[in-house]
Amino acid sequence: MIRTATAVWSGSGKEGNGQLTTGSNTLNDVPYNFRKRFEDEPGTNPEELIAAAHSGCFTMKLSFVLGEMGVTPERLETKCEVTFEGGAVTKSHLTVTGKVPGISKEKFEEAVKNAEQNCPISKLLKTEISSTATLS
């Protein structure tokens, strides 16, 4: 399986503009630029998209891990915070809240650590990855 995305950029790094398009066209010529990435102009940026990818991948992997433990989550919600400093992604922190009937706090935390270490996006990122888990 191969997934694709395309970035098109025109102009200098600071004054230029780009568009992002995914193979599925979920993103289709979505604009991005210096101000969206490093200042407060509304819009997306590569780090936000990494956070979306990591939270989505991790949450799905967690669902699979819980299934292997014999439980089915009613709801999992994960927020991912990607830290970008000094020109590099330096950390990705996952905060997950789960409603999972029939599981102890300890077993849930074990499942979270498994998903944190084994989701494909975690394996791709060469940065510190951490997580916080809460059962509701």
N, C-alpha and C. Protein backbone atom coordinates (compact mmCIF):
# COMPACT_ATOMS: atom_id res chain seq x y z
N MET A 1 0.85 -1.17 0.00
CA MET A 1 0.00 0.00 0.00
C MET A 1 0.90 1.23 0.00
N ILE A 2 0.58 2.18 -0.85
CA ILE A 2 1.30 3.46 -0.90
C ILE A 2 0.25 4.56 -0.82
N ARG A 3 0.49 5.52 0.05
CA ARG A 3 -0.36 6.70 0.17
C ARG A 3 0.45 7.89 -0.30
N THR A 4 -0.21 8.88 -0.89
CA THR A 4 0.53 10.01 -1.44
C THR A 4 -0.03 11.35 -0.97
N ALA A 5 0.83 12.33 -1.01
CA ALA A 5 0.47 13.73 -0.82
C ALA A 5 1.44 14.55 -1.65
N THR A 6 0.99 15.70 -2.10
CA THR A 6 1.82 16.57 -2.92
C THR A 6 1.81 17.97 -2.33
N ALA A 7 2.99 18.57 -2.27
CA ALA A 7 3.13 19.97 -1.88
C ALA A 7 3.64 20.75 -3.08
N VAL A 8 3.05 21.91 -3.32
CA VAL A 8 3.49 22.83 -4.36
C VAL A 8 3.82 24.14 -3.66
N TRP A 9 4.99 24.69 -3.94
CA TRP A 9 5.43 25.93 -3.28
C TRP A 9 5.87 26.93 -4.33
N SER A 10 5.50 28.20 -4.14
CA SER A 10 5.94 29.28 -5.01
C SER A 10 6.48 30.41 -4.16
N GLY A 11 7.66 30.90 -4.49
CA GLY A 11 8.22 32.05 -3.80
C GLY A 11 9.22 31.66 -2.74
N SER A 12 9.67 32.66 -2.01
CA SER A 12 10.67 32.45 -0.96
C SER A 12 10.06 31.76 0.25
N GLY A 13 10.91 31.29 1.14
CA GLY A 13 10.43 30.61 2.34
C GLY A 13 9.52 31.47 3.20
N LYS A 14 9.86 32.75 3.36
CA LYS A 14 9.08 33.61 4.24
C LYS A 14 7.90 34.27 3.54
N GLU A 15 8.05 34.66 2.29
CA GLU A 15 6.97 35.37 1.61
C GLU A 15 6.15 34.47 0.68
N GLY A 16 6.62 33.28 0.42
CA GLY A 16 5.95 32.39 -0.52
C GLY A 16 4.69 31.75 0.03
N ASN A 17 4.06 30.95 -0.82
CA ASN A 17 2.84 30.24 -0.45
C ASN A 17 2.88 28.85 -1.06
N GLY A 18 2.20 27.92 -0.39
CA GLY A 18 2.14 26.57 -0.90
C GLY A 18 0.74 26.01 -0.79
N GLN A 19 0.55 24.87 -1.45
CA GLN A 19 -0.72 24.15 -1.37
C GLN A 19 -0.40 22.67 -1.14
N LEU A 20 -1.22 22.04 -0.31
CA LEU A 20 -1.08 20.63 0.00
C LEU A 20 -2.28 19.87 -0.56
N THR A 21 -2.01 18.75 -1.22
CA THR A 21 -3.08 17.92 -1.75
C THR A 21 -2.77 16.46 -1.43
N THR A 22 -3.75 15.74 -0.92
CA THR A 22 -3.56 14.32 -0.65
C THR A 22 -4.11 13.50 -1.82
N GLY A 23 -3.61 12.27 -1.93
CA GLY A 23 -4.04 11.40 -3.00
C GLY A 23 -5.54 11.16 -3.01
N SER A 24 -6.16 11.17 -1.85
CA SER A 24 -7.61 10.96 -1.76
C SER A 24 -8.40 12.24 -2.02
N ASN A 25 -7.69 13.37 -2.14
CA ASN A 25 -8.28 14.71 -2.28
C ASN A 25 -9.03 15.17 -1.04
N THR A 26 -8.81 14.51 0.10
CA THR A 26 -9.37 15.01 1.35
C THR A 26 -8.81 16.41 1.60
N LEU A 27 -7.52 16.56 1.36
CA LEU A 27 -6.91 17.89 1.29
C LEU A 27 -6.72 18.17 -0.20
N ASN A 28 -7.25 19.29 -0.66
CA ASN A 28 -7.15 19.60 -2.08
C ASN A 28 -6.73 21.06 -2.23
N ASP A 29 -5.46 21.26 -2.54
CA ASP A 29 -4.89 22.61 -2.66
C ASP A 29 -5.10 23.43 -1.39
N VAL A 30 -4.91 22.81 -0.24
CA VAL A 30 -5.03 23.50 1.04
C VAL A 30 -3.81 24.41 1.20
N PRO A 31 -4.04 25.71 1.41
CA PRO A 31 -2.91 26.64 1.48
C PRO A 31 -2.13 26.52 2.78
N TYR A 32 -0.82 26.74 2.66
CA TYR A 32 0.04 26.87 3.83
C TYR A 32 1.15 27.84 3.48
N ASN A 33 1.69 28.49 4.53
CA ASN A 33 2.77 29.46 4.32
C ASN A 33 3.48 29.70 5.66
N PHE A 34 4.45 30.57 5.64
CA PHE A 34 5.24 30.89 6.83
C PHE A 34 4.35 31.36 7.97
N ARG A 35 3.41 32.24 7.67
CA ARG A 35 2.55 32.81 8.73
C ARG A 35 1.66 31.75 9.37
N LYS A 36 1.17 30.79 8.58
CA LYS A 36 0.34 29.71 9.13
C LYS A 36 1.19 28.77 9.98
N ARG A 37 2.45 28.63 9.62
CA ARG A 37 3.32 27.68 10.31
C ARG A 37 3.97 28.27 11.55
N PHE A 38 4.43 29.51 11.46
CA PHE A 38 5.24 30.07 12.54
C PHE A 38 4.61 31.25 13.26
N GLU A 39 3.51 31.78 12.74
CA GLU A 39 2.83 32.89 13.38
C GLU A 39 1.41 32.47 13.71
N ASP A 40 0.49 33.40 13.76
CA ASP A 40 -0.87 33.05 14.20
C ASP A 40 -1.92 33.13 13.09
N GLU A 41 -1.50 33.11 11.84
CA GLU A 41 -2.48 33.12 10.76
C GLU A 41 -3.23 31.78 10.74
N PRO A 42 -4.57 31.82 10.68
CA PRO A 42 -5.33 30.56 10.66
C PRO A 42 -5.00 29.72 9.43
N GLY A 43 -5.00 28.43 9.61
CA GLY A 43 -4.72 27.49 8.53
C GLY A 43 -3.87 26.36 9.04
N THR A 44 -3.58 25.41 8.18
CA THR A 44 -2.83 24.24 8.61
C THR A 44 -1.34 24.41 8.35
N ASN A 45 -0.58 23.45 8.83
CA ASN A 45 0.86 23.44 8.65
C ASN A 45 1.34 22.00 8.80
N PRO A 46 2.56 21.70 8.38
CA PRO A 46 3.03 20.31 8.44
C PRO A 46 2.98 19.70 9.84
N GLU A 47 3.31 20.46 10.86
CA GLU A 47 3.32 19.90 12.22
C GLU A 47 1.92 19.54 12.70
N GLU A 48 0.93 20.36 12.35
CA GLU A 48 -0.46 20.05 12.69
C GLU A 48 -0.90 18.77 11.99
N LEU A 49 -0.48 18.60 10.75
CA LEU A 49 -0.83 17.38 10.01
C LEU A 49 -0.14 16.16 10.60
N ILE A 50 1.09 16.32 11.11
CA ILE A 50 1.76 15.22 11.81
C ILE A 50 0.99 14.86 13.07
N ALA A 51 0.53 15.87 13.81
CA ALA A 51 -0.26 15.62 15.02
C ALA A 51 -1.55 14.88 14.67
N ALA A 52 -2.20 15.25 13.58
CA ALA A 52 -3.43 14.56 13.17
C ALA A 52 -3.11 13.11 12.81
N ALA A 53 -2.04 12.90 12.06
CA ALA A 53 -1.66 11.54 11.67
C ALA A 53 -1.31 10.70 12.89
N HIS A 54 -0.55 11.27 13.83
CA HIS A 54 -0.14 10.49 14.99
C HIS A 54 -1.33 10.16 15.89
N SER A 55 -2.21 11.13 16.13
CA SER A 55 -3.36 10.84 16.99
C SER A 55 -4.27 9.80 16.35
N GLY A 56 -4.49 9.90 15.05
CA GLY A 56 -5.34 8.93 14.36
C GLY A 56 -4.76 7.53 14.35
N CYS A 57 -3.48 7.43 14.02
CA CYS A 57 -2.80 6.13 13.97
C CYS A 57 -2.76 5.47 15.34
N PHE A 58 -2.36 6.25 16.35
CA PHE A 58 -2.26 5.74 17.72
C PHE A 58 -3.61 5.25 18.22
N THR A 59 -4.67 6.03 17.99
CA THR A 59 -5.99 5.68 18.51
C THR A 59 -6.51 4.40 17.86
N MET A 60 -6.28 4.24 16.56
CA MET A 60 -6.69 3.01 15.90
C MET A 60 -5.88 1.82 16.41
N LYS A 61 -4.57 2.00 16.59
CA LYS A 61 -3.72 0.92 17.11
C LYS A 61 -4.18 0.55 18.52
N LEU A 62 -4.51 1.53 19.34
CA LEU A 62 -4.98 1.26 20.70
C LEU A 62 -6.25 0.41 20.66
N SER A 63 -7.15 0.70 19.75
CA SER A 63 -8.37 -0.09 19.61
C SER A 63 -8.03 -1.55 19.29
N PHE A 64 -7.06 -1.77 18.40
CA PHE A 64 -6.63 -3.14 18.07
C PHE A 64 -6.00 -3.82 19.29
N VAL A 65 -5.15 -3.10 20.03
CA VAL A 65 -4.49 -3.67 21.21
C VAL A 65 -5.54 -4.06 22.25
N LEU A 66 -6.51 -3.19 22.47
CA LEU A 66 -7.57 -3.50 23.44
C LEU A 66 -8.36 -4.72 22.99
N GLY A 67 -8.63 -4.82 21.69
CA GLY A 67 -9.33 -5.99 21.16
C GLY A 67 -8.57 -7.28 21.41
N GLU A 68 -7.24 -7.21 21.27
CA GLU A 68 -6.41 -8.39 21.55
C GLU A 68 -6.46 -8.76 23.03
N MET A 69 -6.80 -7.79 23.89
CA MET A 69 -6.94 -8.04 25.32
C MET A 69 -8.35 -8.50 25.68
N GLY A 70 -9.22 -8.59 24.66
CA GLY A 70 -10.57 -9.09 24.89
C GLY A 70 -11.59 -8.04 25.28
N VAL A 71 -11.28 -6.76 25.09
CA VAL A 71 -12.23 -5.69 25.41
C VAL A 71 -12.42 -4.79 24.19
N THR A 72 -13.59 -4.18 24.12
CA THR A 72 -13.91 -3.28 23.02
C THR A 72 -14.18 -1.89 23.59
N PRO A 73 -13.45 -0.89 23.13
CA PRO A 73 -13.69 0.46 23.65
C PRO A 73 -15.02 1.02 23.15
N GLU A 74 -15.73 1.70 24.04
CA GLU A 74 -16.91 2.45 23.61
C GLU A 74 -16.48 3.74 22.93
N ARG A 75 -15.41 4.34 23.48
CA ARG A 75 -14.92 5.61 22.93
C ARG A 75 -13.48 5.82 23.34
N LEU A 76 -12.67 6.23 22.37
CA LEU A 76 -11.29 6.64 22.62
C LEU A 76 -11.13 8.02 22.00
N GLU A 77 -10.56 8.94 22.75
CA GLU A 77 -10.30 10.28 22.22
C GLU A 77 -8.86 10.64 22.53
N THR A 78 -8.09 11.01 21.50
CA THR A 78 -6.68 11.30 21.67
C THR A 78 -6.35 12.68 21.12
N LYS A 79 -5.69 13.48 21.94
CA LYS A 79 -5.14 14.76 21.49
C LYS A 79 -3.64 14.56 21.36
N CYS A 80 -3.07 15.02 20.27
CA CYS A 80 -1.64 14.93 20.05
C CYS A 80 -1.06 16.33 19.99
N GLU A 81 -0.01 16.56 20.77
CA GLU A 81 0.70 17.84 20.76
C GLU A 81 2.09 17.59 20.21
N VAL A 82 2.38 18.18 19.05
CA VAL A 82 3.69 18.07 18.44
C VAL A 82 4.46 19.34 18.76
N THR A 83 5.65 19.18 19.33
CA THR A 83 6.52 20.31 19.65
C THR A 83 7.50 20.51 18.51
N PHE A 84 7.54 21.72 17.98
CA PHE A 84 8.43 22.10 16.89
C PHE A 84 9.30 23.24 17.40
N GLU A 85 10.59 22.99 17.54
CA GLU A 85 11.50 24.03 18.02
C GLU A 85 12.89 23.81 17.44
N GLY A 86 13.58 24.91 17.21
CA GLY A 86 14.92 24.81 16.66
C GLY A 86 14.96 24.16 15.29
N GLY A 87 13.88 24.29 14.52
CA GLY A 87 13.84 23.73 13.19
C GLY A 87 13.58 22.24 13.12
N ALA A 88 13.13 21.65 14.24
CA ALA A 88 12.89 20.20 14.25
C ALA A 88 11.69 19.85 15.12
N VAL A 89 11.03 18.75 14.77
CA VAL A 89 10.01 18.19 15.66
C VAL A 89 10.77 17.49 16.78
N THR A 90 10.55 17.93 18.01
CA THR A 90 11.32 17.40 19.14
C THR A 90 10.51 16.50 20.06
N LYS A 91 9.19 16.53 19.93
CA LYS A 91 8.36 15.71 20.82
C LYS A 91 6.97 15.56 20.25
N SER A 92 6.36 14.43 20.55
CA SER A 92 4.96 14.20 20.25
C SER A 92 4.34 13.60 21.51
N HIS A 93 3.37 14.31 22.09
CA HIS A 93 2.72 13.84 23.32
C HIS A 93 1.27 13.52 23.02
N LEU A 94 0.86 12.31 23.39
CA LEU A 94 -0.50 11.82 23.17
C LEU A 94 -1.26 11.82 24.50
N THR A 95 -2.41 12.46 24.54
CA THR A 95 -3.27 12.45 25.71
C THR A 95 -4.55 11.72 25.31
N VAL A 96 -4.77 10.55 25.90
CA VAL A 96 -5.91 9.73 25.50
C VAL A 96 -6.85 9.53 26.68
N THR A 97 -8.14 9.65 26.39
CA THR A 97 -9.20 9.34 27.34
C THR A 97 -10.02 8.22 26.73
N GLY A 98 -10.25 7.18 27.51
CA GLY A 98 -10.99 6.05 27.00
C GLY A 98 -12.14 5.65 27.88
N LYS A 99 -13.21 5.25 27.24
CA LYS A 99 -14.33 4.60 27.94
C LYS A 99 -14.30 3.16 27.47
N VAL A 100 -13.77 2.30 28.35
CA VAL A 100 -13.54 0.91 27.98
C VAL A 100 -14.08 0.01 29.09
N PRO A 101 -15.29 -0.50 28.94
CA PRO A 101 -15.87 -1.36 29.96
C PRO A 101 -15.03 -2.62 30.16
N GLY A 102 -14.87 -3.03 31.41
CA GLY A 102 -14.22 -4.30 31.71
C GLY A 102 -12.71 -4.27 31.73
N ILE A 103 -12.10 -3.09 31.86
CA ILE A 103 -10.64 -3.04 31.91
C ILE A 103 -10.20 -2.23 33.12
N SER A 104 -9.12 -2.65 33.74
CA SER A 104 -8.56 -1.91 34.88
C SER A 104 -7.70 -0.76 34.37
N LYS A 105 -7.45 0.19 35.25
CA LYS A 105 -6.59 1.32 34.92
C LYS A 105 -5.22 0.82 34.50
N GLU A 106 -4.68 -0.15 35.20
CA GLU A 106 -3.35 -0.68 34.90
C GLU A 106 -3.30 -1.33 33.52
N LYS A 107 -4.31 -2.12 33.19
CA LYS A 107 -4.35 -2.79 31.88
C LYS A 107 -4.55 -1.77 30.76
N PHE A 108 -5.33 -0.72 31.02
CA PHE A 108 -5.52 0.33 30.03
C PHE A 108 -4.20 1.04 29.76
N GLU A 109 -3.49 1.39 30.82
CA GLU A 109 -2.19 2.05 30.66
C GLU A 109 -1.20 1.16 29.93
N GLU A 110 -1.25 -0.14 30.18
CA GLU A 110 -0.40 -1.10 29.46
C GLU A 110 -0.72 -1.09 27.96
N ALA A 111 -2.00 -1.07 27.65
CA ALA A 111 -2.43 -1.03 26.25
C ALA A 111 -1.99 0.27 25.58
N VAL A 112 -2.11 1.38 26.31
CA VAL A 112 -1.71 2.69 25.78
C VAL A 112 -0.21 2.68 25.46
N LYS A 113 0.62 2.16 26.35
CA LYS A 113 2.07 2.11 26.11
C LYS A 113 2.38 1.24 24.90
N ASN A 114 1.67 0.13 24.76
CA ASN A 114 1.86 -0.74 23.61
C ASN A 114 1.56 0.02 22.32
N ALA A 115 0.42 0.70 22.28
CA ALA A 115 0.03 1.46 21.09
C ALA A 115 1.00 2.62 20.84
N GLU A 116 1.43 3.28 21.90
CA GLU A 116 2.38 4.39 21.78
C GLU A 116 3.66 3.93 21.09
N GLN A 117 4.14 2.77 21.46
CA GLN A 117 5.41 2.27 20.93
C GLN A 117 5.26 1.59 19.58
N ASN A 118 4.07 1.10 19.25
CA ASN A 118 3.93 0.24 18.08
C ASN A 118 3.05 0.76 16.95
N CYS A 119 2.43 1.93 17.12
CA CYS A 119 1.68 2.43 15.96
C CYS A 119 2.69 2.86 14.90
N PRO A 120 2.35 2.68 13.63
CA PRO A 120 3.30 2.98 12.55
C PRO A 120 3.84 4.41 12.56
N ILE A 121 3.02 5.39 12.94
CA ILE A 121 3.52 6.77 12.96
C ILE A 121 4.50 6.96 14.11
N SER A 122 4.27 6.33 15.27
CA SER A 122 5.26 6.39 16.36
C SER A 122 6.60 5.84 15.89
N LYS A 123 6.55 4.74 15.15
CA LYS A 123 7.78 4.13 14.66
C LYS A 123 8.47 5.02 13.63
N LEU A 124 7.71 5.80 12.90
CA LEU A 124 8.27 6.68 11.88
C LEU A 124 8.97 7.89 12.49
N LEU A 125 8.38 8.45 13.54
CA LEU A 125 8.92 9.66 14.15
C LEU A 125 10.20 9.35 14.93
N LYS A 126 11.24 10.12 14.70
CA LYS A 126 12.49 9.95 15.43
C LYS A 126 12.58 11.07 16.47
N THR A 127 11.67 11.02 17.43
CA THR A 127 11.61 12.03 18.47
C THR A 127 11.07 11.40 19.74
N GLU A 128 11.11 12.12 20.82
CA GLU A 128 10.52 11.65 22.07
C GLU A 128 9.03 11.54 21.88
N ILE A 129 8.47 10.40 22.29
CA ILE A 129 7.03 10.20 22.24
C ILE A 129 6.57 9.80 23.62
N SER A 130 5.53 10.45 24.12
CA SER A 130 5.00 10.13 25.44
C SER A 130 3.49 10.13 25.37
N SER A 131 2.87 9.65 26.46
CA SER A 131 1.41 9.61 26.48
C SER A 131 0.90 9.73 27.90
N THR A 132 -0.36 10.12 28.02
CA THR A 132 -1.08 10.19 29.27
C THR A 132 -2.43 9.52 29.05
N ALA A 133 -2.85 8.65 29.97
CA ALA A 133 -4.09 7.90 29.77
C ALA A 133 -5.06 8.15 30.92
N THR A 134 -6.35 8.24 30.57
CA THR A 134 -7.42 8.40 31.56
C THR A 134 -8.59 7.53 31.13
N LEU A 135 -9.15 6.78 32.07
CA LEU A 135 -10.40 6.06 31.83
C LEU A 135 -11.53 6.91 32.33
N SER A 136 -12.61 6.96 31.58
CA SER A 136 -13.76 7.77 32.03
C SER A 136 -14.89 6.86 32.47
